[in-house]
Amino acid sequence: MAKAVRFYQTGGPEVLRYENVEVGDPGAGQVRLRHVAVGLNFADTYFRNGTYPVPLPNGLGVEAAGIVTAVGPGVEGIERGDRVSYTGFLNTLGAYSTERLITAAPLIKLPPSIAFETAAAMTMRGLTAGYLLRRIHNFKPGDTVLLHAAAGGVGLIVAQWAKLLGLNVIGTVSTDAKDDLASAHGCDHIVNYSRENVAARVRELTGGKGVDAVFDSVGRDTFMSSLDSLKRRGLMVCFGTASGTIPPFDPQLLAMKGSLFLTRPALADYIADPIEKAQLAHELFDHVGSGRIKIEINQHYGLEDAVAAHHDLQSRKTTGSSIFVI
């Protein structure tokens, strides 16, 4: 019998239930997938708490890696026995499971150099890092970026990839331990926001000019300091809201702070085109497979420990990537 984590009402981690599920045979355009490892992402908490509304009851999780065990009619390019990973949004919800049916479209074939656990830990985070650095802006060697949550799963990948592109990286962290981790993965400078003024320190590090771009996955708590850290005509990339959504503001604020640019991107729009997704995945897998980018899996859980995993995630106890091992 397959197992899955499901929720019947929105709320805190305690609403999650670990239960038996029937999987069945794949229909047209579907495959049956046996998971080996499942990704744990902060976005999962948004589904659970109702920030991202979905019909209830429902499953949780949007990223995993495993082996195709059956293929439904009309599926092309995917065969039984293929090693795959996937990430997405509503079309992949339900990853917290030992086995599932899923449409074939989101699946990405894994090269031999990428292990299942690595794939589950970095498909979503790695593709996010990829579009941030390779699609959002035409970065040039010598540009400087401010990276919030630099010791997180996305942050560690962004920092390493940014250094491959010749960028200067200023990372923010909350503890000395996270300082060491972010520094070891490519950050040139670290700002500890628990005891330093981020914008003031950034101005000091950049000779008063500010940074070319800010990658901000924190949201409400860091929004104003992020704007204040940018140089004239700099780019604010708000790609997450871990501390809460950003309150409404007058766009005139962007003009007052230096004709700033602001974007709120989502991964789904950068991998919707199969060709673009394949290009990003190839570049990511090449960097990881060659060892140029290292994936830090610092927390391992069983699916039955989903409640504890969500508590750890929300309390910012985690660093790097977290996965469920099946």
Foldseek 3Di string as FASTA:
>chain_A
DKWFWKAADADALVRIDIDDDDADQEEAQKFKWFFFKAFDDPVQNCPRRVVPDDDPTFGTGFKTWTFTQGDYPPDPPDDGGFTWIFGAPVQRGGRRMRMHMHGPVRIDTADPLADRHNRNFPVQLLLVLLCVQPPPDDDAAAFEEEEELLQAANNLQNQLVCVVRNYAYEYEDADPVSVVNSVVSHHPHYDHVNPDQQQVVLCVVVVNAAGQEYEAAQAQVCVVSRLSRHGAQHEYEHAHHLPHHHDDDDPVVCVVSHVYHYDHDYSNVQPVDVVSSVVSVVVSSVCPSVPSRDADADEEAASNCSSVVSVCVSVVVDGTTYMYGD
